[in-house]
C-alpha atoms as a PDB file:
ATOM      1  CA  MET A   1      62.656 174.762 -30.586  1.00  0.00           C
ATOM      2  CA  GLY A   2      61.837 175.942 -27.504  1.00  0.00           C
ATOM      3  CA  PHE A   3      59.277 174.384 -24.931  1.00  0.00           C
ATOM      4  CA  LYS A   4      56.178 175.751 -24.604  1.00  0.00           C
ATOM      5  CA  ILE A   5      53.981 175.516 -21.543  1.00  0.00           C
ATOM      6  CA  ARG A   6      49.969 174.498 -21.994  1.00  0.00           C
ATOM      7  CA  PRO A   7      48.154 176.939 -19.657  1.00  0.00           C
ATOM      8  CA  LYS A   8      45.231 174.330 -19.605  1.00  0.00           C
ATOM      9  CA  LEU A   9      47.636 171.677 -18.409  1.00  0.00           C
ATOM     10  CA  VAL A  10      49.002 174.157 -16.051  1.00  0.00           C
ATOM     11  CA  ILE A  11      45.566 174.411 -14.476  1.00  0.00           C
ATOM     12  CA  PHE A  12      44.604 170.900 -14.157  1.00  0.00           C
ATOM     13  CA  PHE A  13      47.986 169.891 -12.720  1.00  0.00           C
ATOM     14  CA  LEU A  14      46.965 172.527 -10.236  1.00  0.00           C
ATOM     15  CA  ALA A  15      43.845 171.818  -9.603  1.00  0.00           C
ATOM     16  CA  GLY A  16      44.723 168.006  -9.477  1.00  0.00           C
ATOM     17  CA  PHE A  17      47.430 168.068  -7.565  1.00  0.00           C
ATOM     18  CA  GLY A  18      48.564 171.882  -5.733  1.00  0.00           C
ATOM     19  CA  PHE A  19      45.051 172.773  -4.220  1.00  0.00           C
ATOM     20  CA  GLY A  20      44.480 169.513  -3.319  1.00  0.00           C
ATOM     21  CA  ALA A  21      47.164 169.127  -0.846  1.00  0.00           C
ATOM     22  CA  LEU A  22      45.786 172.599   0.789  1.00  0.00           C
ATOM     23  CA  GLY A  23      42.219 170.703   1.078  1.00  0.00           C
ATOM     24  CA  PRO A  24      40.633 169.770   4.511  1.00  0.00           C
ATOM     25  CA  PHE A  25      42.502 168.693   7.399  1.00  0.00           C
ATOM     26  CA  PRO A  26      43.156 164.890   8.251  1.00  0.00           C
ATOM     27  CA  ASN A  27      41.582 162.857  11.083  1.00  0.00           C
ATOM     28  CA  THR A  28      38.807 165.900  11.573  1.00  0.00           C
ATOM     29  CA  CYS A  29      35.954 164.292  13.939  1.00  0.00           C
ATOM     30  CA  TYR A  30      33.831 166.487  14.928  1.00  0.00           C
ATOM     31  CA  SER A  31      31.738 168.516  12.033  1.00  0.00           C
ATOM     32  CA  ASP A  32      30.559 170.994  14.608  1.00  0.00           C
ATOM     33  CA  VAL A  33      34.061 172.461  15.057  1.00  0.00           C
ATOM     34  CA  PRO A  34      35.105 174.567  11.779  1.00  0.00           C
ATOM     35  CA  PHE A  35      38.614 174.568  10.104  1.00  0.00           C
ATOM     36  CA  PRO A  36      39.939 176.983  10.078  1.00  0.00           C
ATOM     37  CA  PRO A  37      37.569 178.637  12.274  1.00  0.00           C
ATOM     38  CA  ALA A  38      34.961 180.642  10.850  1.00  0.00           C
ATOM     39  CA  LYS A  39      34.693 184.521  11.340  1.00  0.00           C
ATOM     40  CA  GLN A  40      32.792 186.168  13.627  1.00  0.00           C
ATOM     41  CA  THR A  41      31.652 189.551  14.823  1.00  0.00           C
ATOM     42  CA  PRO A  42      32.761 190.065  18.376  1.00  0.00           C
ATOM     43  CA  THR A  43      30.374 190.153  21.015  1.00  0.00           C
ATOM     44  CA  PRO A  44      30.709 192.052  24.373  1.00  0.00           C
ATOM     45  CA  GLN A  45      32.304 188.972  26.768  1.00  0.00           C
ATOM     46  CA  TYR A  46      31.338 188.528  30.467  1.00  0.00           C
ATOM     47  CA  ALA A  47      34.509 189.316  32.840  1.00  0.00           C
ATOM     48  CA  VAL A  48      35.747 189.650  36.590  1.00  0.00           C
ATOM     49  CA  GLU A  49      37.688 192.580  37.374  1.00  0.00           C
ATOM     50  CA  MET A  50      39.383 193.383  40.802  1.00  0.00           C
ATOM     51  CA  ARG A  51      40.322 196.673  42.285  1.00  0.00           C
ATOM     52  CA  THR A  52      41.780 198.048  45.791  1.00  0.00           C
ATOM     53  CA  VAL A  53      39.911 200.050  47.691  1.00  0.00           C
ATOM     54  CA  TYR A  54      42.272 202.389  50.062  1.00  0.00           C
ATOM     55  CA  PRO A  55      39.712 203.866  52.636  1.00  0.00           C
ATOM     56  CA  ALA A  56      40.269 207.525  53.841  1.00  0.00           C
ATOM     57  CA  ASP A  57      41.521 206.379  57.225  1.00  0.00           C
ATOM     58  CA  GLN A  58      44.674 204.324  56.942  1.00  0.00           C
ATOM     59  CA  LYS A  59      44.104 202.253  60.031  1.00  0.00           C
ATOM     60  CA  GLU A  60      41.392 200.370  58.479  1.00  0.00           C
ATOM     61  CA  PRO A  61      42.462 197.694  56.309  1.00  0.00           C
ATOM     62  CA  LYS A  62      41.859 197.676  52.273  1.00  0.00           C
ATOM     63  CA  LYS A  63      39.164 196.334  50.654  1.00  0.00           C
ATOM     64  CA  ILE A  64      38.711 194.304  47.243  1.00  0.00           C
ATOM     65  CA  SER A  65      35.929 195.118  44.674  1.00  0.00           C
ATOM     66  CA  ILE A  66      35.304 192.612  42.394  1.00  0.00           C
ATOM     67  CA  ILE A  67      33.247 193.695  39.456  1.00  0.00           C
ATOM     68  CA  PHE A  68      31.814 191.856  37.247  1.00  0.00           C
ATOM     69  CA  VAL A  69      31.100 193.550  33.638  1.00  0.00           C
ATOM     70  CA  LYS A  70      30.123 192.789  30.275  1.00  0.00           C
ATOM     71  CA  GLY A  71      32.145 194.872  27.347  1.00  0.00           C
ATOM     72  CA  SER A  72      32.347 197.895  29.121  1.00  0.00           C
ATOM     73  CA  LYS A  73      29.068 197.949  30.987  1.00  0.00           C
ATOM     74  CA  GLU A  74      29.822 197.175  34.930  1.00  0.00           C
ATOM     75  CA  LEU A  75      26.916 194.974  36.190  1.00  0.00           C
ATOM     76  CA  TRP A  76      26.871 194.322  39.892  1.00  0.00           C
ATOM     77  CA  THR A  77      30.562 194.528  42.490  1.00  0.00           C
ATOM     78  CA  ARG A  78      30.914 193.040  45.330  1.00  0.00           C
ATOM     79  CA  ILE A  79      33.248 193.855  48.124  1.00  0.00           C
ATOM     80  CA  GLU A  80      35.818 190.685  48.843  1.00  0.00           C
ATOM     81  CA  PRO A  81      38.220 190.134  51.921  1.00  0.00           C
ATOM     82  CA  TYR A  82      40.511 189.033  49.996  1.00  0.00           C
ATOM     83  CA  PRO A  83      42.325 189.295  46.513  1.00  0.00           C
ATOM     84  CA  MET A  84      41.118 187.745  43.368  1.00  0.00           C
ATOM     85  CA  LEU A  85      43.590 184.952  42.630  1.00  0.00           C
ATOM     86  CA  LYS A  86      41.668 183.522  39.507  1.00  0.00           C
ATOM     87  CA  ALA A  87      38.177 183.486  37.733  1.00  0.00           C
ATOM     88  CA  VAL A  88      36.675 181.417  35.444  1.00  0.00           C
ATOM     89  CA  VAL A  89      33.587 183.190  33.630  1.00  0.00           C
ATOM     90  CA  ILE A  90      30.842 181.064  32.038  1.00  0.00           C
ATOM     91  CA  GLN A  91      30.124 182.670  28.728  1.00  0.00           C
ATOM     92  CA  GLU A  92      26.712 181.201  27.976  1.00  0.00           C
ATOM     93  CA  THR A  93      25.076 181.596  31.684  1.00  0.00           C
ATOM     94  CA  GLY A  94      27.179 184.097  33.242  1.00  0.00           C
ATOM     95  CA  ARG A  95      28.052 182.244  36.079  1.00  0.00           C
ATOM     96  CA  SER A  96      31.473 183.092  37.535  1.00  0.00           C
ATOM     97  CA  PHE A  97      33.988 181.055  39.680  1.00  0.00           C
ATOM     98  CA  LEU A  98      36.314 183.119  41.645  1.00  0.00           C
ATOM     99  CA  LYS A  99      39.428 181.990  43.566  1.00  0.00           C
ATOM    100  CA  LEU A 100      39.952 184.139  46.511  1.00  0.00           C
ATOM    101  CA  GLY A 101      43.060 184.559  49.200  1.00  0.00           C
ATOM    102  CA  ASP A 102      46.406 185.335  50.087  1.00  0.00           C
ATOM    103  CA  ALA A 103      49.360 183.640  51.689  1.00  0.00           C
ATOM    104  CA  ASN A 104      47.046 181.909  54.473  1.00  0.00           C
ATOM    105  CA  ILE A 105      44.137 181.152  53.218  1.00  0.00           C
ATOM    106  CA  VAL A 106      41.936 180.279  49.950  1.00  0.00           C
ATOM    107  CA  GLU A 107      38.451 180.302  49.485  1.00  0.00           C
ATOM    108  CA  LEU A 108      36.061 179.884  46.311  1.00  0.00           C
ATOM    109  CA  ARG A 109      33.258 181.799  46.053  1.00  0.00           C
ATOM    110  CA  VAL A 110      30.383 181.217  43.032  1.00  0.00           C
ATOM    111  CA  TYR A 111      28.542 183.922  41.605  1.00  0.00           C
ATOM    112  CA  SER A 112      24.969 183.964  39.267  1.00  0.00           C
ATOM    113  CA  LYS A 113      24.785 186.324  36.301  1.00  0.00           C
ATOM    114  CA  LYS A 114      22.977 188.409  38.651  1.00  0.00           C
ATOM    115  CA  GLY A 115      25.310 188.963  41.567  1.00  0.00           C
ATOM    116  CA  ASP A 116      23.630 186.107  43.735  1.00  0.00           C
ATOM    117  CA  VAL A 117      26.226 184.038  46.068  1.00  0.00           C
ATOM    118  CA  LEU A 118      25.780 180.226  44.576  1.00  0.00           C
ATOM    119  CA  LEU A 119      28.603 179.039  46.886  1.00  0.00           C
ATOM    120  CA  ASP A 120      31.180 180.024  49.728  1.00  0.00           C
ATOM    121  CA  LYS A 121      33.552 177.711  50.653  1.00  0.00           C
ATOM    122  CA  LYS A 122      36.896 177.543  52.327  1.00  0.00           C
ATOM    123  CA  VAL A 123      38.143 175.229  49.791  1.00  0.00           C
ATOM    124  CA  LEU A 124      41.161 175.095  46.683  1.00  0.00           C
ATOM    125  CA  PRO A 125      39.016 174.915  43.817  1.00  0.00           C
ATOM    126  CA  ARG A 126      40.259 173.023  40.565  1.00  0.00           C
ATOM    127  CA  ALA A 127      38.244 172.546  37.885  1.00  0.00           C
ATOM    128  CA  VAL A 128      34.552 173.611  36.296  1.00  0.00           C
ATOM    129  CA  SER A 129      32.726 171.855  33.692  1.00  0.00           C
ATOM    130  CA  PHE A 130      32.060 172.991  30.691  1.00  0.00           C
ATOM    131  CA  ASP A 131      28.604 174.515  31.282  1.00  0.00           C
ATOM    132  CA  GLY A 132      29.066 175.686  34.775  1.00  0.00           C
ATOM    133  CA  ASN A 133      26.947 173.375  36.601  1.00  0.00           C
ATOM    134  CA  PHE A 134      29.658 171.501  38.450  1.00  0.00           C
ATOM    135  CA  ILE A 135      32.804 172.331  40.507  1.00  0.00           C
ATOM    136  CA  ALA A 136      35.114 170.328  41.599  1.00  0.00           C
ATOM    137  CA  TYR A 137      37.363 171.426  44.627  1.00  0.00           C
ATOM    138  CA  GLU A 138      39.510 170.210  47.781  1.00  0.00           C
ATOM    139  CA  ASN A 139      40.429 170.779  51.126  1.00  0.00           C
ATOM    140  CA  PRO A 140      43.498 172.879  51.240  1.00  0.00           C
ATOM    141  CA  MET A 141      44.841 170.802  54.014  1.00  0.00           C
ATOM    142  CA  ARG A 142      46.180 167.482  52.854  1.00  0.00           C
ATOM    143  CA  SER A 143      46.029 164.200  54.879  1.00  0.00           C
ATOM    144  CA  LYS A 144      49.224 162.985  56.480  1.00  0.00           C
ATOM    145  CA  SER A 145      49.076 160.059  53.996  1.00  0.00           C
ATOM    146  CA  GLY A 146      49.032 162.487  50.959  1.00  0.00           C
ATOM    147  CA  LEU A 147      45.671 161.019  49.824  1.00  0.00           C
ATOM    148  CA  VAL A 148      43.551 163.661  48.711  1.00  0.00           C
ATOM    149  CA  THR A 149      39.849 163.556  48.621  1.00  0.00           C
ATOM    150  CA  THR A 150      38.150 165.964  45.382  1.00  0.00           C
ATOM    151  CA  LEU A 151      34.540 166.654  45.733  1.00  0.00           C
ATOM    152  CA  VAL A 152      32.394 167.465  43.139  1.00  0.00           C
ATOM    153  CA  TYR A 153      29.523 169.604  43.582  1.00  0.00           C
ATOM    154  CA  ASP A 154      26.028 170.080  41.239  1.00  0.00           C
ATOM    155  CA  LEU A 155      25.155 173.879  41.596  1.00  0.00           C
ATOM    156  CA  ASN A 156      22.066 172.951  39.979  1.00  0.00           C
ATOM    157  CA  HIS A 157      20.761 169.631  42.445  1.00  0.00           C
ATOM    158  CA  LYS A 158      23.100 170.707  45.614  1.00  0.00           C
ATOM    159  CA  THR A 159      24.858 167.384  45.494  1.00  0.00           C
ATOM    160  CA  THR A 160      28.278 166.309  45.970  1.00  0.00           C
ATOM    161  CA  LYS A 161      30.218 163.306  45.005  1.00  0.00           C
ATOM    162  CA  ARG A 162      33.709 162.533  46.683  1.00  0.00           C
ATOM    163  CA  PHE A 163      36.600 161.093  44.180  1.00  0.00           C
ATOM    164  CA  LYS A 164      39.727 159.506  46.666  1.00  0.00           C
ATOM    165  CA  LEU A 165      43.162 160.489  44.749  1.00  0.00           C
ATOM    166  CA  ALA A 166      46.449 158.905  45.198  1.00  0.00           C
ATOM    167  CA  ALA A 167      48.900 161.149  46.719  1.00  0.00           C
ATOM    168  CA  GLY A 168      50.322 163.652  44.330  1.00  0.00           C
ATOM    169  CA  PHE A 169      47.488 163.832  41.780  1.00  0.00           C
ATOM    170  CA  GLN A 170      44.568 166.205  41.791  1.00  0.00           C
ATOM    171  CA  GLY A 171      41.392 167.393  40.078  1.00  0.00           C
ATOM    172  CA  MET A 172      41.978 169.207  36.577  1.00  0.00           C
ATOM    173  CA  ALA A 173      39.202 168.769  34.043  1.00  0.00           C
ATOM    174  CA  LEU A 174      35.356 167.707  34.442  1.00  0.00           C
ATOM    175  CA  SER A 175      33.091 165.944  32.303  1.00  0.00           C
ATOM    176  CA  CYS A 176      29.736 167.895  31.021  1.00  0.00           C
ATOM    177  CA  ASP A 177      27.760 165.808  33.148  1.00  0.00           C
ATOM    178  CA  GLY A 178      30.035 166.207  36.296  1.00  0.00           C
ATOM    179  CA  LYS A 179      30.506 162.451  36.688  1.00  0.00           C
ATOM    180  CA  ASP A 180      33.947 161.918  35.124  1.00  0.00           C
ATOM    181  CA  LEU A 181      37.148 163.249  36.569  1.00  0.00           C
ATOM    182  CA  LEU A 182      40.650 164.056  35.029  1.00  0.00           C
ATOM    183  CA  VAL A 183      43.315 164.018  37.257  1.00  0.00           C
ATOM    184  CA  GLY A 184      46.819 164.145  36.775  1.00  0.00           C
ATOM    185  CA  ASN A 185      50.150 164.388  38.304  1.00  0.00           C
ATOM    186  CA  GLN A 186      52.369 166.779  36.242  1.00  0.00           C
ATOM    187  CA  GLY A 187      55.551 166.033  36.970  1.00  0.00           C
ATOM    188  CA  THR A 188      59.132 167.644  35.482  1.00  0.00           C
ATOM    189  CA  GLY A 189      61.019 164.332  35.531  1.00  0.00           C
ATOM    190  CA  PRO A 190      62.437 161.885  33.270  1.00  0.00           C
ATOM    191  CA  SER A 191      59.014 159.804  33.472  1.00  0.00           C
ATOM    192  CA  GLY A 192      56.938 163.065  32.749  1.00  0.00           C
ATOM    193  CA  SER A 193      53.088 163.486  33.601  1.00  0.00           C
ATOM    194  CA  ASN A 194      50.920 160.815  34.208  1.00  0.00           C
ATOM    195  CA  PHE A 195      46.764 161.442  33.803  1.00  0.00           C
ATOM    196  CA  ARG A 196      43.814 159.126  34.458  1.00  0.00           C
ATOM    197  CA  LEU A 197      39.988 159.653  33.827  1.00  0.00           C
ATOM    198  CA  LEU A 198      38.139 158.127  36.965  1.00  0.00           C
ATOM    199  CA  ASP A 199      34.352 157.698  36.484  1.00  0.00           C
ATOM    200  CA  GLU A 200      31.806 158.431  39.407  1.00  0.00           C
ATOM    201  CA  HIS A 201      32.590 154.977  41.083  1.00  0.00           C
ATOM    202  CA  GLY A 202      36.794 156.308  40.972  1.00  0.00           C
ATOM    203  CA  ASP A 203      37.733 153.481  38.509  1.00  0.00           C
ATOM    204  CA  LYS A 204      39.924 154.065  35.942  1.00  0.00           C
ATOM    205  CA  ILE A 205      38.634 155.021  32.239  1.00  0.00           C
ATOM    206  CA  TRP A 206      41.723 155.459  30.416  1.00  0.00           C
ATOM    207  CA  GLU A 207      45.348 156.630  31.826  1.00  0.00           C
ATOM    208  CA  ARG A 208      48.076 158.381  29.880  1.00  0.00           C
ATOM    209  CA  ASN A 209      52.027 158.606  30.828  1.00  0.00           C
ATOM    210  CA  GLY A 210      54.066 161.093  28.819  1.00  0.00           C
ATOM    211  CA  PRO A 211      55.709 164.498  28.425  1.00  0.00           C
ATOM    212  CA  GLU A 212      51.803 166.065  27.503  1.00  0.00           C
ATOM    213  CA  ARG A 213      50.763 169.060  29.923  1.00  0.00           C
ATOM    214  CA  PHE A 214      47.428 169.563  30.104  1.00  0.00           C
ATOM    215  CA  LEU A 215      46.299 172.760  28.157  1.00  0.00           C
ATOM    216  CA  ALA A 216      42.021 173.590  28.712  1.00  0.00           C
ATOM    217  CA  LEU A 217      39.010 171.914  27.313  1.00  0.00           C
ATOM    218  CA  GLY A 218      38.213 172.267  23.869  1.00  0.00           C
ATOM    219  CA  ASN A 219      34.894 171.567  21.097  1.00  0.00           C
ATOM    220  CA  LYS A 220      32.585 172.456  24.081  1.00  0.00           C
ATOM    221  CA  GLY A 221      33.856 169.819  26.609  1.00  0.00           C
ATOM    222  CA  LYS A 222      34.012 167.307  24.180  1.00  0.00           C
ATOM    223  CA  TRP A 223      38.245 167.673  23.663  1.00  0.00           C
ATOM    224  CA  LEU A 224      41.563 167.641  26.184  1.00  0.00           C
ATOM    225  CA  LEU A 225      43.910 170.017  24.834  1.00  0.00           C
ATOM    226  CA  TRP A 226      47.582 169.101  25.936  1.00  0.00           C
ATOM    227  CA  THR A 227      50.961 170.569  25.405  1.00  0.00           C
ATOM    228  CA  ASN A 228      53.632 168.739  24.272  1.00  0.00           C
ATOM    229  CA  GLN A 229      57.139 170.901  24.740  1.00  0.00           C
ATOM    230  CA  GLY A 230      59.500 168.232  23.179  1.00  0.00           C
ATOM    231  CA  LYS A 231      57.237 168.280  19.918  1.00  0.00           C
ATOM    232  CA  LYS A 232      56.054 171.956  19.969  1.00  0.00           C
ATOM    233  CA  THR A 233      52.371 170.425  19.428  1.00  0.00           C
ATOM    234  CA  VAL A 234      48.830 170.686  20.862  1.00  0.00           C
ATOM    235  CA  GLU A 235      47.256 167.680  20.897  1.00  0.00           C
ATOM    236  CA  CYS A 236      43.104 167.507  21.611  1.00  0.00           C
ATOM    237  CA  ARG A 237      42.532 164.534  22.807  1.00  0.00           C
ATOM    238  CA  ASP A 238      39.007 163.097  22.990  1.00  0.00           C
ATOM    239  CA  PHE A 239      37.655 163.183  25.910  1.00  0.00           C
ATOM    240  CA  ASN A 240      35.979 159.770  26.921  1.00  0.00           C
ATOM    241  CA  THR A 241      38.761 157.723  25.302  1.00  0.00           C
ATOM    242  CA  GLY A 242      41.788 159.538  25.309  1.00  0.00           C
ATOM    243  CA  LYS A 243      42.362 159.078  21.677  1.00  0.00           C
ATOM    244  CA  VAL A 244      43.999 162.070  19.613  1.00  0.00           C
ATOM    245  CA  VAL A 245      41.453 163.662  16.975  1.00  0.00           C
ATOM    246  CA  ARG A 246      43.618 166.839  15.874  1.00  0.00           C
ATOM    247  CA  GLU A 247      46.906 167.927  16.447  1.00  0.00           C
ATOM    248  CA  PHE A 248      48.874 171.350  15.533  1.00  0.00           C
ATOM    249  CA  SER A 249      51.834 172.857  15.505  1.00  0.00           C
ATOM    250  CA  MET A 250      52.245 175.231  18.449  1.00  0.00           C
ATOM    251  CA  THR A 251      52.490 178.063  16.082  1.00  0.00           C
ATOM    252  CA  ILE A 252      49.849 177.372  13.636  1.00  0.00           C
ATOM    253  CA  PHE A 253      47.702 176.585  16.958  1.00  0.00           C
ATOM    254  CA  ASN A 254      48.341 180.203  18.547  1.00  0.00           C
ATOM    255  CA  MET A 255      47.861 181.951  14.964  1.00  0.00           C
ATOM    256  CA  LEU A 256      44.667 180.224  14.217  1.00  0.00           C
ATOM    257  CA  TYR A 257      43.083 178.117  16.843  1.00  0.00           C
ATOM    258  CA  LYS A 258      44.086 179.329  20.553  1.00  0.00           C
ATOM    259  CA  GLN A 259      39.904 180.583  20.552  1.00  0.00           C
ATOM    260  CA  LEU A 260      39.418 176.843  20.773  1.00  0.00           C
ATOM    261  CA  ALA A 261      41.173 176.525  24.068  1.00  0.00           C
ATOM    262  CA  GLU A 262      38.393 176.711  27.042  1.00  0.00           C
ATOM    263  CA  ILE A 263      39.624 177.661  30.379  1.00  0.00           C
ATOM    264  CA  ARG A 264      38.024 175.822  32.959  1.00  0.00           C
ATOM    265  CA  SER A 265      40.869 174.976  35.683  1.00  0.00           C
ATOM    266  CA  PHE A 266      42.436 176.710  38.378  1.00  0.00           C
END
């Protein structure tokens, strides 16, 4: 006598075990981040483009044209003396942070959505807060001792805070309120990297050593995203505590969650 499979038992088994294994991801700490991310209708994005303008008279120097666009529409154009090395654009406000320079000089230029200059300095930009209200930068000429002074500038209130960093460290990420600064020394030796979160007084909130490398902000500035090449994973850590709240394999992250990375550093 052959063995018969009862359909009702199979359905019960799949519902109780098989489907349950595909349920919600563990350790989800923020309900405002959908997993997997919800599909949204693409909207035109702000972006900065660069074009080189060659004058008719070859004796004149070439010029760099910076074009601010939304989707395929050009909004404004500015002529800069140096090429654009990197740009951070805040989609919510249209503020653009430009790192300009060549082999001899580096400049920071901050533009509003309408093309007004909000900040113009010969400094080395490091990080921007998620909403674009704060920018961290430093003097490109370091002291003989190797110590670094990173300044955090409030674009809305025109105020500046100073952070004294140990030799080899640099600013990497800013909290949304501009009070806390993530600094790091991304080493390549056996000891790996060292990261510290400093408060507005320069005191250490938390510290981490390991093989990870900082990637970007995430979850509207609430997370810090790290890559671990040894484990082939991307870790999402709480900005305030440094604790892991999510972890993905690099393959899954690049396939499904890459849009969570909010690039705010140079």
